[in-house]
C-alpha atoms as a PDB file:
ATOM      1  CA  UNK A   1     -15.758  -3.516 -10.727  1.00  0.00           C
ATOM      2  CA  UNK A   2     -14.589  -3.309  -7.124  1.00  0.00           C
ATOM      3  CA  UNK A   3     -14.794  -6.918  -5.937  1.00  0.00           C
ATOM      4  CA  UNK A   4     -16.369  -7.840  -2.622  1.00  0.00           C
ATOM      5  CA  UNK A   5     -13.655 -10.478  -2.294  1.00  0.00           C
ATOM      6  CA  UNK A   6     -10.206  -9.499  -3.487  1.00  0.00           C
ATOM      7  CA  UNK A   7      -6.535 -10.287  -3.245  1.00  0.00           C
ATOM      8  CA  UNK A   8      -4.298  -8.896  -0.529  1.00  0.00           C
ATOM      9  CA  UNK A   9      -0.763  -9.516  -1.695  1.00  0.00           C
ATOM     10  CA  UNK A  10       1.679  -8.694   1.071  1.00  0.00           C
ATOM     11  CA  UNK A  11       4.989  -7.085   0.055  1.00  0.00           C
ATOM     12  CA  UNK A  12       7.799  -9.620   0.190  1.00  0.00           C
ATOM     13  CA  UNK A  13       9.586  -7.695   2.956  1.00  0.00           C
ATOM     14  CA  UNK A  14       6.502  -7.900   5.207  1.00  0.00           C
ATOM     15  CA  UNK A  15       5.816 -11.625   5.019  1.00  0.00           C
ATOM     16  CA  UNK A  16       6.727 -12.175   8.658  1.00  0.00           C
ATOM     17  CA  UNK A  17       5.248  -8.961  10.051  1.00  0.00           C
ATOM     18  CA  UNK A  18       2.083 -10.644  11.219  1.00  0.00           C
ATOM     19  CA  UNK A  19       0.358 -10.598  14.554  1.00  0.00           C
ATOM     20  CA  UNK A  20       0.719 -14.343  15.086  1.00  0.00           C
ATOM     21  CA  UNK A  21       4.510 -14.000  15.039  1.00  0.00           C
ATOM     22  CA  UNK A  22       4.675 -10.604  16.778  1.00  0.00           C
ATOM     23  CA  UNK A  23       2.333 -11.237  19.733  1.00  0.00           C
ATOM     24  CA  UNK A  24       2.603 -13.766  22.536  1.00  0.00           C
ATOM     25  CA  UNK A  25       0.227 -16.711  21.966  1.00  0.00           C
ATOM     26  CA  UNK A  26      -2.328 -15.375  24.459  1.00  0.00           C
ATOM     27  CA  UNK A  27      -2.374 -11.996  22.706  1.00  0.00           C
ATOM     28  CA  UNK A  28      -2.941 -13.540  19.274  1.00  0.00           C
ATOM     29  CA  UNK A  29      -5.693 -15.765  20.717  1.00  0.00           C
ATOM     30  CA  UNK A  30      -7.455 -12.712  22.144  1.00  0.00           C
ATOM     31  CA  UNK A  31      -7.284 -10.859  18.816  1.00  0.00           C
ATOM     32  CA  UNK A  32      -8.513 -13.758  16.690  1.00  0.00           C
ATOM     33  CA  UNK A  33     -11.279 -14.761  19.111  1.00  0.00           C
ATOM     34  CA  UNK A  34     -12.525 -11.151  19.155  1.00  0.00           C
ATOM     35  CA  UNK A  35     -12.654 -11.242  15.331  1.00  0.00           C
ATOM     36  CA  UNK A  36     -14.635 -14.505  15.441  1.00  0.00           C
ATOM     37  CA  UNK A  37     -17.057 -13.003  17.953  1.00  0.00           C
ATOM     38  CA  UNK A  38     -17.597  -9.898  15.770  1.00  0.00           C
ATOM     39  CA  UNK A  39     -18.310 -12.161  12.799  1.00  0.00           C
ATOM     40  CA  UNK A  40     -21.025 -14.062  14.654  1.00  0.00           C
ATOM     41  CA  UNK A  41     -20.125 -17.418  13.141  1.00  0.00           C
ATOM     42  CA  UNK A  42     -20.187 -16.165   9.551  1.00  0.00           C
ATOM     43  CA  UNK A  43     -17.470 -15.290   7.076  1.00  0.00           C
ATOM     44  CA  UNK A  44     -16.918 -11.531   7.076  1.00  0.00           C
ATOM     45  CA  UNK A  45     -16.776 -11.479   3.266  1.00  0.00           C
ATOM     46  CA  UNK A  46     -19.181 -14.040   1.799  1.00  0.00           C
ATOM     47  CA  UNK A  47     -21.478 -14.258   4.846  1.00  0.00           C
ATOM     48  CA  UNK A  48     -21.627 -18.055   4.843  1.00  0.00           C
ATOM     49  CA  UNK A  49     -21.992 -19.663   8.281  1.00  0.00           C
ATOM     50  CA  UNK A  50     -18.771 -21.464   9.108  1.00  0.00           C
ATOM     51  CA  UNK A  51     -17.713 -23.651  12.026  1.00  0.00           C
ATOM     52  CA  UNK A  52     -14.012 -23.109  11.304  1.00  0.00           C
ATOM     53  CA  UNK A  53     -13.310 -19.447  10.723  1.00  0.00           C
ATOM     54  CA  UNK A  54      -9.782 -18.172  10.157  1.00  0.00           C
ATOM     55  CA  UNK A  55      -8.422 -14.845  11.396  1.00  0.00           C
ATOM     56  CA  UNK A  56      -7.115 -12.593   8.650  1.00  0.00           C
ATOM     57  CA  UNK A  57      -5.119  -9.419   9.182  1.00  0.00           C
ATOM     58  CA  UNK A  58      -5.925  -6.508   6.881  1.00  0.00           C
ATOM     59  CA  UNK A  59      -2.970  -4.218   6.282  1.00  0.00           C
ATOM     60  CA  UNK A  60      -2.647  -0.863   4.602  1.00  0.00           C
ATOM     61  CA  UNK A  61       0.558   0.322   2.970  1.00  0.00           C
ATOM     62  CA  UNK A  62       1.573   3.964   2.811  1.00  0.00           C
ATOM     63  CA  UNK A  63       4.349   4.199   0.257  1.00  0.00           C
ATOM     64  CA  UNK A  64       5.442   7.811   0.966  1.00  0.00           C
ATOM     65  CA  UNK A  65       5.964   7.056   4.676  1.00  0.00           C
ATOM     66  CA  UNK A  66       6.983   3.411   4.060  1.00  0.00           C
ATOM     67  CA  UNK A  67       4.499   2.294   6.714  1.00  0.00           C
ATOM     68  CA  UNK A  68       2.684  -1.014   6.967  1.00  0.00           C
ATOM     69  CA  UNK A  69      -0.377  -0.289   9.113  1.00  0.00           C
ATOM     70  CA  UNK A  70      -2.740  -2.782  10.720  1.00  0.00           C
ATOM     71  CA  UNK A  71      -6.285  -1.845   9.663  1.00  0.00           C
ATOM     72  CA  UNK A  72      -8.381  -4.758  10.927  1.00  0.00           C
ATOM     73  CA  UNK A  73      -8.531  -8.423  11.803  1.00  0.00           C
ATOM     74  CA  UNK A  74     -11.512 -10.207  10.285  1.00  0.00           C
ATOM     75  CA  UNK A  75     -12.892 -13.742  10.331  1.00  0.00           C
ATOM     76  CA  UNK A  76     -12.898 -15.518   6.977  1.00  0.00           C
ATOM     77  CA  UNK A  77     -14.033 -18.910   5.806  1.00  0.00           C
ATOM     78  CA  UNK A  78     -11.195 -21.047   4.421  1.00  0.00           C
ATOM     79  CA  UNK A  79     -12.431 -20.507   0.839  1.00  0.00           C
ATOM     80  CA  UNK A  80     -12.335 -16.686   1.103  1.00  0.00           C
ATOM     81  CA  UNK A  81      -8.990 -16.834   2.909  1.00  0.00           C
ATOM     82  CA  UNK A  82      -7.538 -18.895   0.049  1.00  0.00           C
ATOM     83  CA  UNK A  83      -8.576 -16.169  -2.397  1.00  0.00           C
ATOM     84  CA  UNK A  84      -7.172 -13.339  -0.300  1.00  0.00           C
ATOM     85  CA  UNK A  85      -3.812 -15.150  -0.151  1.00  0.00           C
ATOM     86  CA  UNK A  86      -3.899 -16.345  -3.770  1.00  0.00           C
ATOM     87  CA  UNK A  87      -0.105 -16.516  -4.056  1.00  0.00           C
ATOM     88  CA  UNK A  88       0.143 -19.018  -1.207  1.00  0.00           C
ATOM     89  CA  UNK A  89      -2.883 -20.856  -2.574  1.00  0.00           C
ATOM     90  CA  UNK A  90      -1.253 -21.154  -6.001  1.00  0.00           C
ATOM     91  CA  UNK A  91       1.938 -22.536  -4.429  1.00  0.00           C
ATOM     92  CA  UNK A  92      -0.152 -25.177  -2.649  1.00  0.00           C
ATOM     93  CA  UNK A  93      -1.806 -26.166  -5.938  1.00  0.00           C
ATOM     94  CA  UNK A  94      -5.316 -25.074  -4.942  1.00  0.00           C
ATOM     95  CA  UNK A  95      -5.716 -22.186  -7.390  1.00  0.00           C
ATOM     96  CA  UNK A  96      -8.710 -23.497  -9.360  1.00  0.00           C
ATOM     97  CA  UNK A  97     -10.997 -23.682  -6.317  1.00  0.00           C
ATOM     98  CA  UNK A  98      -9.950 -20.162  -5.302  1.00  0.00           C
ATOM     99  CA  UNK A  99     -10.657 -18.836  -8.814  1.00  0.00           C
ATOM    100  CA  UNK A 100     -14.131 -20.373  -8.728  1.00  0.00           C
ATOM    101  CA  UNK A 101     -14.828 -18.974  -5.268  1.00  0.00           C
ATOM    102  CA  UNK A 102     -13.704 -15.474  -6.318  1.00  0.00           C
ATOM    103  CA  UNK A 103     -16.037 -15.609  -9.333  1.00  0.00           C
ATOM    104  CA  UNK A 104     -18.964 -16.934  -7.275  1.00  0.00           C
ATOM    105  CA  UNK A 105     -18.685 -14.389  -4.447  1.00  0.00           C
ATOM    106  CA  UNK A 106     -18.146 -11.462  -6.824  1.00  0.00           C
ATOM    107  CA  UNK A 107     -20.530 -12.582  -9.573  1.00  0.00           C
ATOM    108  CA  UNK A 108     -17.500 -12.235 -11.844  1.00  0.00           C
ATOM    109  CA  UNK A 109     -16.376 -13.797 -15.073  1.00  0.00           C
ATOM    110  CA  UNK A 110     -13.028 -15.484 -15.526  1.00  0.00           C
ATOM    111  CA  UNK A 111     -11.842 -12.414 -17.450  1.00  0.00           C
ATOM    112  CA  UNK A 112     -12.771 -10.201 -14.481  1.00  0.00           C
ATOM    113  CA  UNK A 113     -10.935 -12.584 -12.163  1.00  0.00           C
ATOM    114  CA  UNK A 114      -7.787 -12.342 -14.325  1.00  0.00           C
ATOM    115  CA  UNK A 115      -8.056  -8.535 -14.526  1.00  0.00           C
ATOM    116  CA  UNK A 116      -8.392  -8.212 -10.751  1.00  0.00           C
ATOM    117  CA  UNK A 117      -5.462 -10.574 -10.192  1.00  0.00           C
ATOM    118  CA  UNK A 118      -3.357  -8.590 -12.666  1.00  0.00           C
ATOM    119  CA  UNK A 119      -4.152  -5.355 -10.815  1.00  0.00           C
ATOM    120  CA  UNK A 120      -3.237  -6.999  -7.500  1.00  0.00           C
ATOM    121  CA  UNK A 121       0.052  -8.223  -8.952  1.00  0.00           C
ATOM    122  CA  UNK A 122       0.845  -4.722 -10.231  1.00  0.00           C
ATOM    123  CA  UNK A 123       0.132  -3.281  -6.762  1.00  0.00           C
ATOM    124  CA  UNK A 124       2.369  -5.977  -5.269  1.00  0.00           C
ATOM    125  CA  UNK A 125       5.220  -4.967  -7.589  1.00  0.00           C
ATOM    126  CA  UNK A 126       4.704  -1.328  -6.585  1.00  0.00           C
ATOM    127  CA  UNK A 127       4.795  -2.191  -2.868  1.00  0.00           C
ATOM    128  CA  UNK A 128       7.938  -4.281  -3.359  1.00  0.00           C
ATOM    129  CA  UNK A 129       9.801  -1.168  -4.500  1.00  0.00           C
ATOM    130  CA  UNK A 130       9.888  -0.091  -0.841  1.00  0.00           C
ATOM    131  CA  UNK A 131      13.008  -1.591   0.709  1.00  0.00           C
ATOM    132  CA  UNK A 132      11.894  -1.549   4.342  1.00  0.00           C
ATOM    133  CA  UNK A 133       8.526  -0.926   5.979  1.00  0.00           C
ATOM    134  CA  UNK A 134       7.871   0.636   9.396  1.00  0.00           C
ATOM    135  CA  UNK A 135       5.180  -1.178  11.348  1.00  0.00           C
ATOM    136  CA  UNK A 136       2.142   0.622  12.810  1.00  0.00           C
ATOM    137  CA  UNK A 137       0.076  -1.502  15.191  1.00  0.00           C
ATOM    138  CA  UNK A 138      -1.881   1.369  16.762  1.00  0.00           C
ATOM    139  CA  UNK A 139      -5.197  -0.222  15.664  1.00  0.00           C
ATOM    140  CA  UNK A 140      -4.481  -3.318  17.746  1.00  0.00           C
ATOM    141  CA  UNK A 141      -5.910  -1.805  20.938  1.00  0.00           C
ATOM    142  CA  UNK A 142      -9.308  -1.437  19.199  1.00  0.00           C
ATOM    143  CA  UNK A 143      -9.427  -5.090  18.126  1.00  0.00           C
ATOM    144  CA  UNK A 144      -9.365  -6.833  21.489  1.00  0.00           C
END
């Protein structure tokens, strides 16, 4: 099963390679507001109308070239965003709500949730084998 809503575990060495920290405040505002406008007031994953959307950066990782590449910035509801960043959510103590949301959005069982999380954790371990990532922000010009 390829879940509609999944986990995007960022390699440890890339935790601070995010647009909010890399761009001036006005640049980040332009990127996130463009994502909200594209979403039309709905979460880009679950489709639920939401007054408080959150901007989420989607990154791709090319292990052979050691490149972290910006792929998209999407608008997510807080519940979907908590699933995507399950590690942070677990540290905050909000894991149960995120598990339930994952299962609801994906029509998944708890066993399927655990399997998907295990696969994400394995991918995370694989990505952490890269000691340093180059950053590719070429997609940024298309997102404003």
